[in-house]
Amino acid sequence: MTKSKHTGHDAPFLDDEERAVIEAAERGEFEPDADLTARIAEWRTAASDTSRKRAITVRLQERDIQRIKAIALRKGMPYQTLVSSIIHQYASGTLKERD
């Protein structure tokens, strides 16, 4: 990535390709997406569907709760977040049972 010597966009963090895209956009060379509003609505629905949460009640032994709280404290997170993460990892198959 080489830096452009001198253009109307002299931000030091832009490379030649990024400057060219900015300049093309300013010249009006990009067509707006006619279906953009519909696509945004789809993305919002998909994001909402994947992040929906529901409260549950689980009874655990007190010593397990204390151990989980201690682990969460060491990790710098709330213990509920840790429990949720463990369940999510198990449900998605990334956390496996030991033989």
N, C-alpha and C. Protein backbone atom coordinates (compact mmCIF):
# COMPACT_ATOMS: atom_id res chain seq x y z
N MET A 1 0.83 -1.17 0.00
CA MET A 1 0.00 0.00 0.00
C MET A 1 0.88 1.24 0.00
N THR A 2 0.88 1.93 -1.08
CA THR A 2 1.67 3.15 -1.14
C THR A 2 0.77 4.33 -0.88
N LYS A 3 1.33 5.34 -0.29
CA LYS A 3 0.57 6.55 0.00
C LYS A 3 0.64 7.47 -1.20
N SER A 4 -0.45 8.14 -1.51
CA SER A 4 -0.48 9.08 -2.62
C SER A 4 0.35 10.30 -2.27
N LYS A 5 1.05 10.82 -3.26
CA LYS A 5 1.90 11.99 -3.02
C LYS A 5 1.08 13.21 -2.65
N HIS A 6 0.06 13.54 -3.48
CA HIS A 6 -0.72 14.74 -3.19
C HIS A 6 -2.04 14.69 -3.95
N THR A 7 -3.11 14.66 -3.22
CA THR A 7 -4.44 14.73 -3.82
C THR A 7 -5.27 15.64 -2.95
N GLY A 8 -6.52 15.74 -3.25
CA GLY A 8 -7.41 16.56 -2.42
C GLY A 8 -7.69 15.91 -1.08
N HIS A 9 -7.26 14.67 -0.90
CA HIS A 9 -7.50 13.94 0.35
C HIS A 9 -6.16 13.53 0.92
N ASP A 10 -5.58 14.40 1.72
CA ASP A 10 -4.23 14.18 2.23
C ASP A 10 -4.19 13.53 3.60
N ALA A 11 -5.25 12.87 4.01
CA ALA A 11 -5.22 12.17 5.30
C ALA A 11 -4.14 11.11 5.22
N PRO A 12 -3.22 11.08 6.18
CA PRO A 12 -2.08 10.17 6.10
C PRO A 12 -2.46 8.69 6.18
N PHE A 13 -3.65 8.38 6.68
CA PHE A 13 -4.03 6.98 6.83
C PHE A 13 -4.73 6.41 5.59
N LEU A 14 -4.95 7.24 4.55
CA LEU A 14 -5.58 6.76 3.32
C LEU A 14 -4.52 6.33 2.32
N ASP A 15 -4.76 5.19 1.67
CA ASP A 15 -3.84 4.79 0.59
C ASP A 15 -4.43 5.25 -0.74
N ASP A 16 -3.72 4.99 -1.82
CA ASP A 16 -4.16 5.46 -3.14
C ASP A 16 -5.54 4.94 -3.52
N GLU A 17 -5.79 3.67 -3.24
CA GLU A 17 -7.08 3.07 -3.58
C GLU A 17 -8.22 3.72 -2.80
N GLU A 18 -8.01 3.96 -1.52
CA GLU A 18 -9.05 4.61 -0.70
C GLU A 18 -9.32 6.04 -1.19
N ARG A 19 -8.27 6.76 -1.54
CA ARG A 19 -8.45 8.12 -2.06
C ARG A 19 -9.23 8.10 -3.39
N ALA A 20 -8.92 7.11 -4.24
CA ALA A 20 -9.62 7.00 -5.52
C ALA A 20 -11.10 6.73 -5.32
N VAL A 21 -11.44 5.88 -4.35
CA VAL A 21 -12.85 5.59 -4.07
C VAL A 21 -13.56 6.85 -3.57
N ILE A 22 -12.93 7.59 -2.67
CA ILE A 22 -13.54 8.82 -2.14
C ILE A 22 -13.76 9.82 -3.27
N GLU A 23 -12.76 9.99 -4.11
CA GLU A 23 -12.87 10.95 -5.21
C GLU A 23 -13.95 10.53 -6.20
N ALA A 24 -14.06 9.22 -6.49
CA ALA A 24 -15.10 8.72 -7.40
C ALA A 24 -16.49 8.96 -6.80
N ALA A 25 -16.62 8.74 -5.51
CA ALA A 25 -17.92 8.99 -4.85
C ALA A 25 -18.28 10.46 -4.91
N GLU A 26 -17.29 11.33 -4.72
CA GLU A 26 -17.55 12.77 -4.78
C GLU A 26 -17.93 13.22 -6.19
N ARG A 27 -17.43 12.52 -7.20
CA ARG A 27 -17.80 12.84 -8.59
C ARG A 27 -19.15 12.25 -8.96
N GLY A 28 -19.76 11.47 -8.07
CA GLY A 28 -21.07 10.89 -8.32
C GLY A 28 -21.03 9.65 -9.19
N GLU A 29 -19.93 8.93 -9.18
CA GLU A 29 -19.78 7.76 -10.04
C GLU A 29 -20.45 6.50 -9.51
N PHE A 30 -20.97 6.53 -8.30
CA PHE A 30 -21.63 5.36 -7.74
C PHE A 30 -23.13 5.56 -7.79
N GLU A 31 -23.82 4.53 -8.23
CA GLU A 31 -25.28 4.55 -8.30
C GLU A 31 -25.85 4.11 -6.94
N PRO A 32 -26.85 4.80 -6.44
CA PRO A 32 -27.46 4.33 -5.19
C PRO A 32 -28.21 3.02 -5.43
N ASP A 33 -28.22 2.17 -4.43
CA ASP A 33 -28.89 0.88 -4.51
C ASP A 33 -30.39 1.10 -4.37
N ALA A 34 -31.13 0.74 -5.38
CA ALA A 34 -32.59 0.96 -5.37
C ALA A 34 -33.26 0.16 -4.27
N ASP A 35 -32.71 -1.00 -3.93
CA ASP A 35 -33.32 -1.87 -2.92
C ASP A 35 -32.68 -1.70 -1.55
N LEU A 36 -31.96 -0.60 -1.35
CA LEU A 36 -31.22 -0.42 -0.10
C LEU A 36 -32.14 -0.44 1.12
N THR A 37 -33.27 0.23 1.05
CA THR A 37 -34.18 0.26 2.19
C THR A 37 -34.67 -1.14 2.53
N ALA A 38 -35.01 -1.91 1.52
CA ALA A 38 -35.48 -3.29 1.76
C ALA A 38 -34.36 -4.14 2.33
N ARG A 39 -33.14 -3.97 1.82
CA ARG A 39 -32.01 -4.75 2.32
C ARG A 39 -31.70 -4.40 3.77
N ILE A 40 -31.77 -3.12 4.11
CA ILE A 40 -31.53 -2.71 5.50
C ILE A 40 -32.57 -3.33 6.41
N ALA A 41 -33.82 -3.34 5.99
CA ALA A 41 -34.89 -3.95 6.79
C ALA A 41 -34.62 -5.44 6.99
N GLU A 42 -34.16 -6.14 5.94
CA GLU A 42 -33.83 -7.56 6.07
C GLU A 42 -32.70 -7.77 7.06
N TRP A 43 -31.66 -6.95 6.97
CA TRP A 43 -30.51 -7.07 7.88
C TRP A 43 -30.92 -6.82 9.32
N ARG A 44 -31.79 -5.82 9.53
CA ARG A 44 -32.26 -5.54 10.89
C ARG A 44 -33.06 -6.71 11.45
N THR A 45 -33.92 -7.29 10.63
CA THR A 45 -34.72 -8.44 11.07
C THR A 45 -33.81 -9.62 11.39
N ALA A 46 -32.83 -9.88 10.53
CA ALA A 46 -31.91 -10.99 10.77
C ALA A 46 -31.11 -10.77 12.05
N ALA A 47 -30.65 -9.54 12.26
CA ALA A 47 -29.88 -9.24 13.47
C ALA A 47 -30.75 -9.39 14.70
N SER A 48 -31.98 -8.94 14.62
CA SER A 48 -32.90 -9.04 15.75
C SER A 48 -33.21 -10.49 16.07
N ASP A 49 -33.42 -11.30 15.04
CA ASP A 49 -33.74 -12.71 15.25
C ASP A 49 -32.58 -13.47 15.88
N THR A 50 -31.35 -13.11 15.54
CA THR A 50 -30.21 -13.84 16.08
C THR A 50 -29.83 -13.39 17.48
N SER A 51 -30.27 -12.21 17.90
CA SER A 51 -29.87 -11.72 19.22
C SER A 51 -31.01 -11.77 20.24
N ARG A 52 -32.11 -12.35 19.88
CA ARG A 52 -33.25 -12.43 20.79
C ARG A 52 -32.90 -13.34 21.97
N LYS A 53 -33.17 -12.88 23.17
CA LYS A 53 -32.86 -13.66 24.37
C LYS A 53 -34.13 -13.88 25.17
N ARG A 54 -34.13 -14.94 25.96
CA ARG A 54 -35.27 -15.28 26.80
C ARG A 54 -34.75 -15.71 28.16
N ALA A 55 -35.35 -15.22 29.20
CA ALA A 55 -34.95 -15.57 30.56
C ALA A 55 -35.39 -16.99 30.88
N ILE A 56 -34.52 -17.72 31.59
CA ILE A 56 -34.86 -19.06 32.06
C ILE A 56 -34.46 -19.15 33.54
N THR A 57 -34.98 -20.14 34.21
CA THR A 57 -34.61 -20.39 35.60
C THR A 57 -33.89 -21.72 35.67
N VAL A 58 -32.75 -21.70 36.32
CA VAL A 58 -31.96 -22.92 36.49
C VAL A 58 -31.56 -23.01 37.95
N ARG A 59 -31.75 -24.16 38.55
CA ARG A 59 -31.34 -24.36 39.93
C ARG A 59 -29.97 -25.01 39.94
N LEU A 60 -29.04 -24.35 40.62
CA LEU A 60 -27.66 -24.85 40.70
C LEU A 60 -27.26 -25.00 42.15
N GLN A 61 -26.29 -25.83 42.39
CA GLN A 61 -25.76 -25.96 43.74
C GLN A 61 -25.01 -24.67 44.09
N GLU A 62 -25.11 -24.28 45.34
CA GLU A 62 -24.49 -23.03 45.80
C GLU A 62 -22.98 -23.01 45.52
N ARG A 63 -22.30 -24.13 45.75
CA ARG A 63 -20.85 -24.13 45.54
C ARG A 63 -20.50 -23.93 44.06
N ASP A 64 -21.35 -24.45 43.15
CA ASP A 64 -21.12 -24.22 41.72
C ASP A 64 -21.29 -22.75 41.36
N ILE A 65 -22.31 -22.13 41.95
CA ILE A 65 -22.54 -20.70 41.70
C ILE A 65 -21.34 -19.89 42.19
N GLN A 66 -20.84 -20.20 43.37
CA GLN A 66 -19.69 -19.47 43.91
C GLN A 66 -18.45 -19.67 43.03
N ARG A 67 -18.24 -20.87 42.54
CA ARG A 67 -17.09 -21.13 41.65
C ARG A 67 -17.24 -20.36 40.34
N ILE A 68 -18.45 -20.36 39.79
CA ILE A 68 -18.69 -19.63 38.54
C ILE A 68 -18.49 -18.13 38.76
N LYS A 69 -18.97 -17.61 39.87
CA LYS A 69 -18.77 -16.19 40.18
C LYS A 69 -17.29 -15.86 40.30
N ALA A 70 -16.51 -16.75 40.91
CA ALA A 70 -15.07 -16.51 41.06
C ALA A 70 -14.38 -16.51 39.70
N ILE A 71 -14.76 -17.44 38.84
CA ILE A 71 -14.17 -17.50 37.49
C ILE A 71 -14.54 -16.24 36.71
N ALA A 72 -15.81 -15.83 36.79
CA ALA A 72 -16.27 -14.63 36.09
C ALA A 72 -15.52 -13.40 36.58
N LEU A 73 -15.30 -13.32 37.88
CA LEU A 73 -14.57 -12.19 38.45
C LEU A 73 -13.15 -12.14 37.89
N ARG A 74 -12.49 -13.29 37.82
CA ARG A 74 -11.13 -13.34 37.24
C ARG A 74 -11.13 -12.92 35.78
N LYS A 75 -12.20 -13.26 35.05
CA LYS A 75 -12.30 -12.91 33.64
C LYS A 75 -12.80 -11.47 33.44
N GLY A 76 -13.28 -10.85 34.51
CA GLY A 76 -13.77 -9.48 34.41
C GLY A 76 -15.12 -9.35 33.73
N MET A 77 -16.00 -10.30 34.02
CA MET A 77 -17.33 -10.26 33.42
C MET A 77 -18.38 -10.67 34.45
N PRO A 78 -19.63 -10.27 34.23
CA PRO A 78 -20.70 -10.73 35.13
C PRO A 78 -20.86 -12.26 35.02
N TYR A 79 -21.22 -12.89 36.13
CA TYR A 79 -21.32 -14.35 36.10
C TYR A 79 -22.44 -14.83 35.19
N GLN A 80 -23.53 -14.04 35.07
CA GLN A 80 -24.61 -14.44 34.17
C GLN A 80 -24.12 -14.48 32.72
N THR A 81 -23.25 -13.54 32.37
CA THR A 81 -22.69 -13.52 31.01
C THR A 81 -21.83 -14.76 30.78
N LEU A 82 -21.05 -15.13 31.78
CA LEU A 82 -20.23 -16.34 31.67
C LEU A 82 -21.10 -17.58 31.50
N VAL A 83 -22.13 -17.71 32.31
CA VAL A 83 -23.04 -18.87 32.21
C VAL A 83 -23.68 -18.90 30.83
N SER A 84 -24.16 -17.76 30.36
CA SER A 84 -24.78 -17.68 29.03
C SER A 84 -23.78 -18.07 27.95
N SER A 85 -22.54 -17.62 28.08
CA SER A 85 -21.51 -17.95 27.10
C SER A 85 -21.22 -19.45 27.08
N ILE A 86 -21.13 -20.05 28.25
CA ILE A 86 -20.86 -21.49 28.34
C ILE A 86 -21.99 -22.27 27.68
N ILE A 87 -23.22 -21.90 27.98
CA ILE A 87 -24.38 -22.61 27.38
C ILE A 87 -24.39 -22.42 25.87
N HIS A 88 -24.11 -21.19 25.41
CA HIS A 88 -24.07 -20.93 23.97
C HIS A 88 -22.99 -21.76 23.30
N GLN A 89 -21.80 -21.82 23.88
CA GLN A 89 -20.71 -22.61 23.30
C GLN A 89 -21.08 -24.09 23.23
N TYR A 90 -21.71 -24.59 24.27
CA TYR A 90 -22.11 -26.00 24.29
C TYR A 90 -23.17 -26.26 23.22
N ALA A 91 -24.17 -25.36 23.15
CA ALA A 91 -25.26 -25.54 22.19
C ALA A 91 -24.77 -25.43 20.75
N SER A 92 -23.76 -24.61 20.51
CA SER A 92 -23.25 -24.44 19.14
C SER A 92 -22.18 -25.47 18.78
N GLY A 93 -21.78 -26.31 19.75
CA GLY A 93 -20.84 -27.38 19.47
C GLY A 93 -19.38 -26.99 19.62
N THR A 94 -19.11 -25.77 20.09
CA THR A 94 -17.70 -25.38 20.26
C THR A 94 -17.16 -25.76 21.63
N LEU A 95 -18.03 -26.07 22.57
CA LEU A 95 -17.62 -26.56 23.89
C LEU A 95 -18.04 -28.03 23.96
N LYS A 96 -17.08 -28.88 24.12
CA LYS A 96 -17.34 -30.32 24.08
C LYS A 96 -17.22 -30.94 25.47
N GLU A 97 -17.93 -32.03 25.69
CA GLU A 97 -17.81 -32.79 26.92
C GLU A 97 -16.50 -33.57 26.89
N ARG A 98 -15.91 -33.71 28.07
CA ARG A 98 -14.73 -34.56 28.17
C ARG A 98 -15.17 -36.01 28.26
N ASP A 99 -14.36 -36.89 27.68
CA ASP A 99 -14.67 -38.32 27.75
C ASP A 99 -14.34 -38.88 29.11
